[in-house]
Amino acid sequence: MPPYSNAADSRLFRAPLALIGLAITCAAIGHAADPRPGVDWPQFRGIAANGVSEGAALPTDWDVATGRNIAWKTDIPGLAHSSPIVWGDRVFVTTAIPVGGESSLRVGLYGDGGSASDMVEHTFRLYCLNKKTGETVWQRDCKTATPQFKRHTKATHCNPTPATDGRRVVAMFGSQGLYAFDMDGKPLWSRDLGPMDVGPHDDNTLQWGFASSPIIVEDRVVLQCDVKSGPFLIALDAADGRDLWRVERLDVTGWSSPTAYHAPDGWQILMNGCQHIGAVRLSDGSELWRLSGGGGIPVPTPVVADGLVYLTSNHRPFRPGDPQKPIFVVKADARGQVTLPEEGKGNEQVAWWVSKRGNYMQTPLIYHGVAYFCYDNGLLSAFDAKTGEELYRERLTAGGDGFTASGVAGDGKLYFTSEQGEVHILRAGRKFERIGSVAMGEVCMATPAVSDGMLLIRTQGRVVAVAGTGSGDK
């Protein structure tokens, strides 16, 4: 299928009128079904970005090379850090495939912030796979173009994870556009949201690539675009891609994705950031609360558990006097300008907060009353989720491995995957307890998906389904 039109003033693909009618019909038949816990993993980090899937036993031992406890392995061309998502028996994953060339990836722990030089034509593609077999159900080439901006040497030209509500799937490719399909791969609409130039706030010459993932909630696609010029949060109609509202973000560049939270008084959209952390109403984008003082290069996504919003960042403060590497735990019913109490304390807006423990890359994991924060060097801190009491601080590895993929959990187990492809499995709880570790044999930068007792792990070259018995390559 040829690339689709992505003109700035176009909301729909150049598709037959029948497809436009299909989009209108879909909009008229009501909201999509709610995702099913334990089965569906509809966005980055699953339902509400909580990274948890219960209801089935999860594996602790497998071998990719021999196929032991591997259901299937499907090769995915190109280079991408987007995570797999799942709805029912469908797995969706995106990629960027260089035309006539290869893209290198530099992983590990290093401070060099340089940009990669693979500014060649790429094909930006969405795959739909069968969850049971790994076979390709359909694939769509959304666009073929040379990226507008460079990427970090550890990033890719396809970082955002797609999202689905069971009726539509949307894929974001930064400056190359946002694309929507129905579940059978029929194009619905596309949007060019403008140049997505993102880099460190203290060096405007560097280009690191766009990474915020879309979410779909209540028939709205929400996307956080913390770009260098004119950052914004936007809600689009999921049926046709038109703007419903757009709010300015008074912040520096960032890579965090938004989170939807169903509060007693309605849906909220939560945003991490540096100077503009907060929440708005899904209905109209009006502000509920705001907090400033995060780290200067915010990446982790907000997570909500038991009415508390967990936010973190790790990079140096943007302003003198701001907290160093903070973890903020804000009450979801906070309103107005949030002020921090004394460190380690709480007030009417903040449950607790600490400094010098924040994450750089990983989104926090809140599971069975414990909040887990993993550094990019594999140092794992665990806190009582409600009080902030630090329970332990232990290393997942002896040193040298980097950690970018966010942790996931289920069946009383925690899974943390290193960039070098080692999956570290822990027993969930208030004490540090190892179960074991498994080598994937490839670089792993993407956060796994979990569905029906299956771990879907994206390596640099494939998606691997770990699910007990079975073997095979696709």
Protein backbone atom coordinates (compact mmCIF):
# COMPACT_ATOMS: atom_id res chain seq x y z
CA MET A 1 0.00 0.00 0.00
CA PRO A 2 1.46 3.40 -0.94
CA PRO A 3 2.23 6.09 1.64
CA TYR A 4 -0.69 8.28 2.60
CA SER A 5 -1.07 12.03 2.29
CA ASN A 6 0.03 13.91 5.38
CA ALA A 7 -0.60 17.52 4.40
CA ALA A 8 -0.79 19.94 7.32
CA ASP A 9 -4.35 20.98 6.46
CA SER A 10 -5.60 17.41 5.86
CA ARG A 11 -7.48 15.39 8.45
CA LEU A 12 -8.21 12.35 6.33
CA PHE A 13 -6.16 10.09 4.14
CA ARG A 14 -6.80 10.34 0.44
CA ALA A 15 -9.18 7.43 0.76
CA PRO A 16 -12.44 6.48 -0.95
CA LEU A 17 -15.58 8.20 0.27
CA ALA A 18 -16.69 4.85 1.63
CA LEU A 19 -13.94 5.07 4.25
CA ILE A 20 -15.04 8.55 5.27
CA GLY A 21 -18.52 7.15 5.70
CA LEU A 22 -17.08 4.36 7.80
CA ALA A 23 -15.47 6.87 10.15
CA ILE A 24 -18.76 8.77 10.51
CA THR A 25 -20.62 5.52 11.18
CA CYS A 26 -18.09 4.50 13.84
CA ALA A 27 -18.52 7.85 15.58
CA ALA A 28 -22.27 7.34 15.75
CA ILE A 29 -22.36 3.90 17.37
CA GLY A 30 -21.14 4.93 20.82
CA HIS A 31 -18.04 4.55 22.90
CA ALA A 32 -15.59 1.72 22.49
CA ALA A 33 -15.63 -1.09 25.02
CA ASP A 34 -13.49 -0.76 28.14
CA PRO A 35 -10.19 -2.66 28.00
CA ARG A 36 -10.26 -6.00 29.79
CA PRO A 37 -7.72 -6.29 32.61
CA GLY A 38 -5.39 -9.21 32.08
CA VAL A 39 -6.21 -9.39 28.37
CA ASP A 40 -5.88 -5.97 26.75
CA TRP A 41 -2.76 -3.81 26.89
CA PRO A 42 -4.02 -0.83 24.89
CA GLN A 43 -1.22 1.74 25.18
CA PHE A 44 2.25 2.35 26.58
CA ARG A 45 2.43 0.36 29.84
CA GLY A 46 -1.06 -1.09 29.40
CA ILE A 47 -4.31 0.06 31.02
CA ALA A 48 -3.84 3.55 32.52
CA ALA A 49 -0.06 3.11 32.05
CA ASN A 50 0.06 1.11 35.30
CA GLY A 51 2.23 -1.68 33.85
CA VAL A 52 0.22 -4.42 35.60
CA SER A 53 -1.62 -7.45 34.20
CA GLU A 54 -3.27 -9.97 36.54
CA GLY A 55 -5.36 -13.11 36.17
CA ALA A 56 -2.83 -15.59 34.77
CA ALA A 57 0.45 -17.20 35.77
CA LEU A 58 3.46 -15.44 34.27
CA PRO A 59 6.65 -17.23 33.13
CA THR A 60 9.95 -17.13 34.97
CA ASP A 61 12.13 -19.35 32.79
CA TRP A 62 12.55 -19.51 29.01
CA ASP A 63 15.16 -19.81 26.28
CA VAL A 64 14.85 -17.75 23.11
CA ALA A 65 17.52 -19.67 21.20
CA THR A 66 16.01 -23.14 21.71
CA GLY A 67 12.36 -22.02 21.75
CA ARG A 68 11.71 -23.38 25.25
CA ASN A 69 8.63 -21.63 26.64
CA ILE A 70 8.56 -19.38 23.58
CA ALA A 71 5.20 -19.24 21.78
CA TRP A 72 6.56 -17.40 18.74
CA LYS A 73 9.20 -14.98 17.47
CA THR A 74 8.38 -12.55 14.68
CA ASP A 75 11.05 -10.48 12.95
CA ILE A 76 10.30 -6.76 12.66
CA PRO A 77 12.53 -4.82 10.23
CA GLY A 78 13.88 -1.37 10.96
CA LEU A 79 14.73 0.30 14.24
CA ALA A 80 12.17 1.36 16.85
CA HIS A 81 11.72 1.61 20.61
CA SER A 82 7.91 1.64 20.51
CA SER A 83 6.31 -1.05 22.66
CA PRO A 84 3.83 -3.70 21.53
CA ILE A 85 0.18 -3.14 22.45
CA VAL A 86 -2.62 -5.71 22.60
CA TRP A 87 -6.38 -5.83 22.07
CA GLY A 88 -7.95 -9.27 22.20
CA ASP A 89 -6.08 -11.49 19.76
CA ARG A 90 -4.30 -8.61 17.98
CA VAL A 91 -0.82 -7.24 18.70
CA PHE A 92 0.19 -3.90 17.19
CA VAL A 93 3.74 -2.59 16.80
CA THR A 94 5.36 0.20 14.78
CA THR A 95 8.76 0.63 13.18
CA ALA A 96 10.89 2.94 11.02
CA ILE A 97 12.73 1.13 8.21
CA PRO A 98 15.66 2.91 6.54
CA VAL A 99 15.51 2.65 2.77
CA GLY A 100 18.80 1.38 1.37
CA GLY A 101 20.70 1.63 4.64
CA GLU A 102 21.05 0.55 8.24
CA SER A 103 20.51 2.42 11.50
CA SER A 104 23.01 1.96 14.32
CA LEU A 105 22.13 2.00 18.01
CA ARG A 106 24.47 2.86 20.85
CA VAL A 107 23.26 1.47 24.17
CA GLY A 108 24.75 1.40 27.66
CA LEU A 109 25.67 4.05 30.21
CA TYR A 110 27.27 7.12 28.69
CA GLY A 111 26.92 10.88 28.97
CA ASP A 112 27.44 11.81 25.33
CA GLY A 113 24.31 13.57 24.09
CA GLY A 114 25.15 13.56 20.41
CA SER A 115 22.72 12.90 17.57
CA ALA A 116 22.77 9.97 15.14
CA SER A 117 23.44 10.71 11.47
CA ASP A 118 21.01 8.33 9.70
CA MET A 119 19.14 11.10 7.87
CA VAL A 120 18.04 8.87 5.00
CA GLU A 121 14.61 7.98 3.70
CA HIS A 122 12.61 5.76 6.08
CA THR A 123 9.35 3.87 5.74
CA PHE A 124 7.14 4.34 8.82
CA ARG A 125 5.08 1.18 9.27
CA LEU A 126 2.36 -0.24 11.54
CA TYR A 127 2.07 -4.02 11.99
CA CYS A 128 -0.89 -6.04 13.23
CA LEU A 129 0.11 -9.52 14.44
CA ASN A 130 -1.91 -12.53 15.57
CA LYS A 131 -1.33 -12.88 19.31
CA LYS A 132 -1.49 -16.68 19.22
CA THR A 133 0.83 -17.31 16.29
CA GLY A 134 2.80 -14.12 15.63
CA GLU A 135 1.72 -14.15 11.98
CA THR A 136 1.25 -10.78 10.30
CA VAL A 137 -2.49 -10.09 9.96
CA TRP A 138 -1.86 -6.82 8.10
CA GLN A 139 0.72 -4.10 7.77
CA ARG A 140 0.41 -0.49 6.61
CA ASP A 141 3.10 1.86 5.37
CA CYS A 142 2.00 5.22 6.76
CA LYS A 143 4.67 7.35 5.13
CA THR A 144 8.03 7.13 3.38
CA ALA A 145 10.20 10.21 3.95
CA THR A 146 13.48 11.45 5.32
CA PRO A 147 12.99 12.37 9.01
CA GLN A 148 12.84 16.11 9.63
CA PHE A 149 15.05 15.91 12.70
CA LYS A 150 17.89 13.77 14.00
CA ARG A 151 17.61 11.30 16.86
CA HIS A 152 19.75 10.58 19.92
CA THR A 153 22.28 7.78 19.38
CA LYS A 154 20.29 5.68 21.88
CA ALA A 155 16.89 6.63 20.42
CA THR A 156 15.17 5.83 17.11
CA HIS A 157 12.96 7.57 14.56
CA CYS A 158 10.04 5.54 15.95
CA ASN A 159 9.85 5.91 19.73
CA PRO A 160 6.12 6.49 20.49
CA THR A 161 4.02 3.43 21.31
CA PRO A 162 0.70 3.13 19.40
CA ALA A 163 -2.66 3.08 21.18
CA THR A 164 -6.02 1.40 20.61
CA ASP A 165 -9.53 1.43 22.04
CA GLY A 166 -10.64 -1.78 20.31
CA ARG A 167 -12.20 0.09 17.40
CA ARG A 168 -9.28 2.18 16.20
CA VAL A 169 -5.52 2.06 16.46
CA VAL A 170 -3.41 5.23 16.23
CA ALA A 171 0.30 5.43 15.49
CA MET A 172 2.45 8.50 16.09
CA PHE A 173 5.65 9.06 14.13
CA GLY A 174 6.61 12.54 15.38
CA SER A 175 7.11 15.04 12.54
CA GLN A 176 6.02 12.33 10.10
CA GLY A 177 2.47 12.48 11.43
CA LEU A 178 -0.27 10.76 13.42
CA TYR A 179 -2.24 7.99 11.66
CA ALA A 180 -5.50 6.23 12.53
CA PHE A 181 -6.82 2.89 11.24
CA ASP A 182 -9.72 0.64 12.09
CA MET A 183 -8.94 -2.79 13.51
CA ASP A 184 -8.86 -4.33 10.03
CA GLY A 185 -6.24 -1.87 8.82
CA LYS A 186 -8.54 0.48 6.89
CA PRO A 187 -7.24 4.06 7.03
CA LEU A 188 -9.47 6.54 8.84
CA TRP A 189 -7.51 9.79 9.07
CA SER A 190 -4.07 11.33 9.49
CA ARG A 191 -2.77 14.55 11.01
CA ASP A 192 0.39 16.57 10.63
CA LEU A 193 0.80 18.26 14.01
CA GLY A 194 3.79 20.32 12.94
CA PRO A 195 7.55 20.00 13.48
CA MET A 196 8.39 17.79 16.47
CA ASP A 197 11.91 18.98 17.30
CA VAL A 198 12.92 17.78 20.77
CA GLY A 199 16.27 18.04 22.51
CA PRO A 200 17.83 19.12 25.81
CA HIS A 201 16.65 22.50 27.05
CA ASP A 202 20.22 23.65 27.70
CA ASP A 203 21.54 22.91 24.17
CA ASN A 204 19.20 23.98 21.40
CA THR A 205 21.53 22.58 18.71
CA LEU A 206 20.99 18.94 19.71
CA GLN A 207 18.15 16.87 18.27
CA TRP A 208 17.10 13.75 20.20
CA GLY A 209 13.82 12.68 18.61
CA PHE A 210 10.15 12.69 19.62
CA ALA A 211 8.93 10.02 22.06
CA SER A 212 5.55 10.90 23.63
CA SER A 213 2.96 8.18 23.04
CA PRO A 214 -0.72 8.88 22.30
CA ILE A 215 -3.58 7.57 24.44
CA ILE A 216 -7.24 7.04 23.53
CA VAL A 217 -9.92 7.69 26.13
CA GLU A 218 -13.64 8.40 25.71
CA ASP A 219 -13.31 8.62 21.91
CA ARG A 220 -10.51 11.17 22.21
CA VAL A 221 -6.88 10.85 21.17
CA VAL A 222 -4.66 12.79 23.58
CA LEU A 223 -1.04 13.63 22.86
CA GLN A 224 1.57 15.62 24.81
CA CYS A 225 3.98 17.51 22.55
CA ASP A 226 6.77 19.09 24.60
CA VAL A 227 8.72 20.36 21.61
CA LYS A 228 11.26 23.18 21.44
CA SER A 229 8.86 25.77 20.03
CA GLY A 230 5.27 26.10 21.25
CA PRO A 231 4.79 22.95 23.38
CA PHE A 232 1.17 21.84 23.77
CA LEU A 233 -1.28 19.17 24.93
CA ILE A 234 -3.96 18.27 22.39
CA ALA A 235 -7.19 16.24 22.27
CA LEU A 236 -8.45 15.02 18.88
CA ASP A 237 -11.72 13.36 17.92
CA ALA A 238 -10.83 9.69 17.52
CA ALA A 239 -13.39 9.30 14.71
CA ASP A 240 -12.03 11.93 12.31
CA GLY A 241 -8.91 13.50 13.83
CA ARG A 242 -10.29 17.04 14.23
CA ASP A 243 -9.10 19.23 17.11
CA LEU A 244 -11.34 19.21 20.17
CA TRP A 245 -9.06 21.37 22.29
CA ARG A 246 -5.42 22.39 22.56
CA VAL A 247 -3.73 23.92 25.60
CA GLU A 248 -0.35 25.61 25.80
CA ARG A 249 2.32 24.00 27.95
CA LEU A 250 4.65 26.45 29.66
CA ASP A 251 7.56 24.08 29.87
CA VAL A 252 10.89 23.00 28.43
CA THR A 253 11.29 20.05 26.10
CA GLY A 254 10.35 16.59 27.35
CA TRP A 255 9.50 13.03 26.35
CA SER A 256 6.76 12.04 28.79
CA SER A 257 3.44 10.58 27.68
CA PRO A 258 0.11 11.66 29.25
CA THR A 259 -2.03 9.42 31.45
CA ALA A 260 -5.83 9.30 31.71
CA TYR A 261 -7.34 8.91 35.19
CA HIS A 262 -11.05 8.34 35.83
CA ALA A 263 -11.65 10.45 38.94
CA PRO A 264 -14.99 10.52 40.79
CA ASP A 265 -15.83 13.86 39.15
CA GLY A 266 -14.75 12.89 35.64
CA TRP A 267 -11.75 12.02 33.48
CA GLN A 268 -8.45 13.78 34.06
CA ILE A 269 -5.38 13.96 31.85
CA LEU A 270 -2.14 13.90 33.86
CA MET A 271 1.14 15.34 32.58
CA ASN A 272 4.70 15.05 33.77
CA GLY A 273 7.16 17.79 32.99
CA CYS A 274 9.78 20.12 34.36
CA GLN A 275 7.98 23.38 35.13
CA HIS A 276 4.48 22.31 34.05
CA ILE A 277 3.45 19.15 35.88
CA GLY A 278 -0.29 18.83 36.40
CA ALA A 279 -3.76 17.72 35.40
CA VAL A 280 -6.51 19.01 33.10
CA ARG A 281 -10.09 17.92 32.45
CA LEU A 282 -10.48 15.58 29.50
CA SER A 283 -13.73 17.31 28.54
CA ASP A 284 -12.26 20.71 27.69
CA GLY A 285 -8.58 20.87 28.73
CA SER A 286 -9.27 23.21 31.66
CA GLU A 287 -6.67 23.08 34.40
CA LEU A 288 -7.21 21.21 37.66
CA TRP A 289 -3.81 21.53 39.34
CA ARG A 290 -0.23 22.45 38.55
CA LEU A 291 3.20 21.81 40.08
CA SER A 292 6.66 22.99 39.06
CA GLY A 293 10.17 21.96 40.03
CA GLY A 294 10.81 18.70 38.18
CA GLY A 295 14.06 17.67 36.56
CA GLY A 296 15.20 19.35 33.35
CA ILE A 297 14.81 16.38 30.97
CA PRO A 298 11.50 14.73 32.00
CA VAL A 299 10.76 11.30 30.52
CA PRO A 300 8.67 9.04 32.87
CA THR A 301 4.89 8.90 32.45
CA PRO A 302 2.57 9.71 35.41
CA VAL A 303 1.07 6.70 37.20
CA VAL A 304 -2.03 6.68 39.44
CA ALA A 305 -2.74 4.21 42.26
CA ASP A 306 -5.31 4.50 45.06
CA GLY A 307 -5.97 8.17 44.34
CA LEU A 308 -2.31 9.17 44.29
CA VAL A 309 -0.35 10.43 41.27
CA TYR A 310 3.29 9.32 41.08
CA LEU A 311 5.65 11.58 39.13
CA THR A 312 9.40 11.53 38.84
CA SER A 313 12.36 12.92 36.92
CA ASN A 314 16.07 12.57 37.33
CA HIS A 315 18.03 15.15 35.39
CA ARG A 316 19.58 18.23 36.96
CA PRO A 317 17.17 20.96 38.11
CA PHE A 318 16.06 23.53 35.59
CA ARG A 319 16.24 26.33 38.19
CA PRO A 320 18.56 26.84 41.17
CA GLY A 321 16.86 25.67 44.34
CA ASP A 322 14.54 23.15 42.67
CA PRO A 323 14.62 19.60 44.07
CA GLN A 324 17.36 17.21 42.95
CA LYS A 325 16.00 14.10 41.19
CA PRO A 326 12.53 14.33 42.79
CA ILE A 327 9.70 11.86 43.31
CA PHE A 328 6.38 13.70 43.77
CA VAL A 329 3.25 11.90 45.01
CA VAL A 330 0.31 14.26 44.50
CA LYS A 331 -3.25 13.60 45.64
CA ALA A 332 -5.47 13.21 42.58
CA ASP A 333 -8.08 15.55 44.08
CA ALA A 334 -5.54 18.40 44.40
CA ARG A 335 -6.64 21.70 42.91
CA GLY A 336 -4.87 24.90 41.93
CA GLN A 337 -1.18 25.57 42.43
CA VAL A 338 0.38 22.68 44.34
CA THR A 339 2.97 23.63 46.95
CA LEU A 340 5.48 21.20 48.37
CA PRO A 341 5.67 20.59 52.12
CA GLU A 342 8.93 19.81 53.89
CA GLU A 343 10.64 16.85 52.21
CA GLY A 344 9.30 13.56 53.51
CA LYS A 345 6.11 15.19 54.76
CA GLY A 346 2.62 15.61 53.32
CA ASN A 347 -0.06 18.28 53.13
CA GLU A 348 -3.59 18.67 51.75
CA GLN A 349 -2.26 18.37 48.18
CA VAL A 350 0.84 16.15 48.43
CA ALA A 351 0.99 12.70 50.04
CA TRP A 352 4.81 12.64 50.17
CA TRP A 353 7.86 13.53 48.18
CA VAL A 354 11.59 12.86 48.30
CA SER A 355 14.66 14.09 46.44
CA LYS A 356 17.69 12.23 45.03
CA ARG A 357 15.65 9.12 44.22
CA GLY A 358 13.96 10.06 40.95
CA ASN A 359 14.05 8.07 37.69
CA TYR A 360 15.59 9.29 34.46
CA MET A 361 14.03 6.96 31.85
CA GLN A 362 11.72 4.44 33.52
CA THR A 363 8.09 5.03 34.43
CA PRO A 364 7.43 4.04 38.08
CA LEU A 365 5.71 0.76 38.95
CA ILE A 366 3.13 0.70 41.77
CA TYR A 367 2.20 -2.83 42.76
CA HIS A 368 0.75 -4.43 45.90
CA GLY A 369 1.25 -1.28 47.95
CA VAL A 370 4.89 -0.77 46.97
CA ALA A 371 6.23 1.93 44.62
CA TYR A 372 9.26 0.87 42.56
CA PHE A 373 11.65 3.34 40.91
CA CYS A 374 14.48 1.96 38.75
CA TYR A 375 17.43 4.13 37.72
CA ASP A 376 19.03 3.87 34.30
CA ASN A 377 21.97 2.04 35.97
CA GLY A 378 19.72 -0.67 37.43
CA LEU A 379 19.57 0.65 40.99
CA LEU A 380 16.06 -0.16 42.23
CA SER A 381 14.41 1.82 45.05
CA ALA A 382 11.22 0.57 46.71
CA PHE A 383 8.93 2.72 48.87
CA ASP A 384 5.74 2.21 50.80
CA ALA A 385 3.36 3.63 48.19
CA LYS A 386 1.21 5.55 50.67
CA THR A 387 3.73 6.82 53.23
CA GLY A 388 6.99 7.14 51.27
CA GLU A 389 8.96 4.98 53.70
CA GLU A 390 11.96 3.63 51.81
CA LEU A 391 11.88 -0.16 52.01
CA TYR A 392 15.07 -1.05 50.15
CA ARG A 393 17.57 0.09 47.55
CA GLU A 394 19.28 -2.71 45.62
CA ARG A 395 21.10 -3.21 42.32
CA LEU A 396 19.57 -5.44 39.68
CA THR A 397 22.98 -6.06 38.12
CA ALA A 398 26.58 -5.88 39.22
CA GLY A 399 27.07 -2.86 37.00
CA GLY A 400 27.59 -1.77 33.42
CA ASP A 401 24.12 -2.51 32.07
CA GLY A 402 21.75 0.32 31.22
CA PHE A 403 18.00 0.25 31.87
CA THR A 404 15.55 2.13 29.63
CA ALA A 405 12.48 -0.14 29.38
CA SER A 406 9.98 0.41 32.19
CA GLY A 407 9.15 -2.32 34.66
CA VAL A 408 5.95 -4.39 34.43
CA ALA A 409 4.24 -6.68 36.93
CA GLY A 410 1.70 -9.42 37.43
CA ASP A 411 1.16 -12.72 39.24
CA GLY A 412 3.17 -11.40 42.20
CA LYS A 413 6.24 -10.85 40.01
CA LEU A 414 8.22 -7.86 38.74
CA TYR A 415 10.05 -7.73 35.39
CA PHE A 416 12.85 -5.24 34.69
CA THR A 417 14.65 -5.51 31.33
CA SER A 418 18.14 -4.16 30.71
CA GLU A 419 19.26 -2.56 27.45
CA GLN A 420 21.58 -5.53 26.96
CA GLY A 421 18.56 -7.87 26.97
CA GLU A 422 18.64 -9.38 30.46
CA VAL A 423 15.16 -9.73 31.99
CA HIS A 424 15.44 -9.52 35.80
CA ILE A 425 12.55 -11.19 37.64
CA LEU A 426 11.78 -10.30 41.27
CA ARG A 427 9.20 -11.34 43.81
CA ALA A 428 6.91 -8.39 44.54
CA GLY A 429 6.94 -7.25 48.15
CA ARG A 430 8.56 -5.11 50.80
CA LYS A 431 11.84 -7.05 50.67
CA PHE A 432 14.20 -7.49 47.73
CA GLU A 433 13.86 -11.08 46.49
CA ARG A 434 15.25 -12.35 43.20
CA ILE A 435 13.50 -15.10 41.26
CA GLY A 436 15.97 -15.22 38.40
CA SER A 437 17.01 -13.63 35.14
CA VAL A 438 16.78 -14.59 31.46
CA ALA A 439 18.90 -13.35 28.54
CA MET A 440 16.95 -12.39 25.41
CA GLY A 441 20.08 -12.46 23.24
CA GLU A 442 19.41 -9.02 21.74
CA VAL A 443 19.26 -5.37 22.75
CA CYS A 444 15.97 -4.53 24.53
CA MET A 445 14.89 -0.88 24.78
CA ALA A 446 11.09 -1.21 24.61
CA THR A 447 8.79 -1.85 27.57
CA PRO A 448 7.16 -5.33 27.39
CA ALA A 449 3.42 -5.91 27.07
CA VAL A 450 1.62 -8.51 29.19
CA SER A 451 -1.56 -10.32 28.06
CA ASP A 452 -3.24 -13.62 29.02
CA GLY A 453 -0.14 -14.80 30.87
CA MET A 454 2.10 -13.95 27.91
CA LEU A 455 5.08 -11.60 27.95
CA LEU A 456 5.48 -9.78 24.63
CA ILE A 457 9.06 -8.55 24.59
CA ARG A 458 10.32 -6.39 21.77
CA THR A 459 14.02 -6.82 21.08
CA GLN A 460 16.00 -4.82 18.54
CA GLY A 461 14.99 -7.13 15.70
CA ARG A 462 11.78 -8.92 16.66
CA VAL A 463 8.81 -9.39 18.95
CA VAL A 464 9.14 -12.46 21.20
CA ALA A 465 6.10 -14.04 22.88
CA VAL A 466 7.03 -15.81 26.11
CA ALA A 467 4.10 -17.99 27.13
CA GLY A 468 5.01 -21.37 28.50
CA THR A 469 5.10 -24.04 25.81
CA GLY A 470 5.70 -23.79 22.08
CA SER A 471 8.42 -22.66 19.74
CA GLY A 472 8.89 -21.17 16.33
CA ASP A 473 10.07 -18.28 14.21
CA LYS A 474 7.83 -16.10 12.05
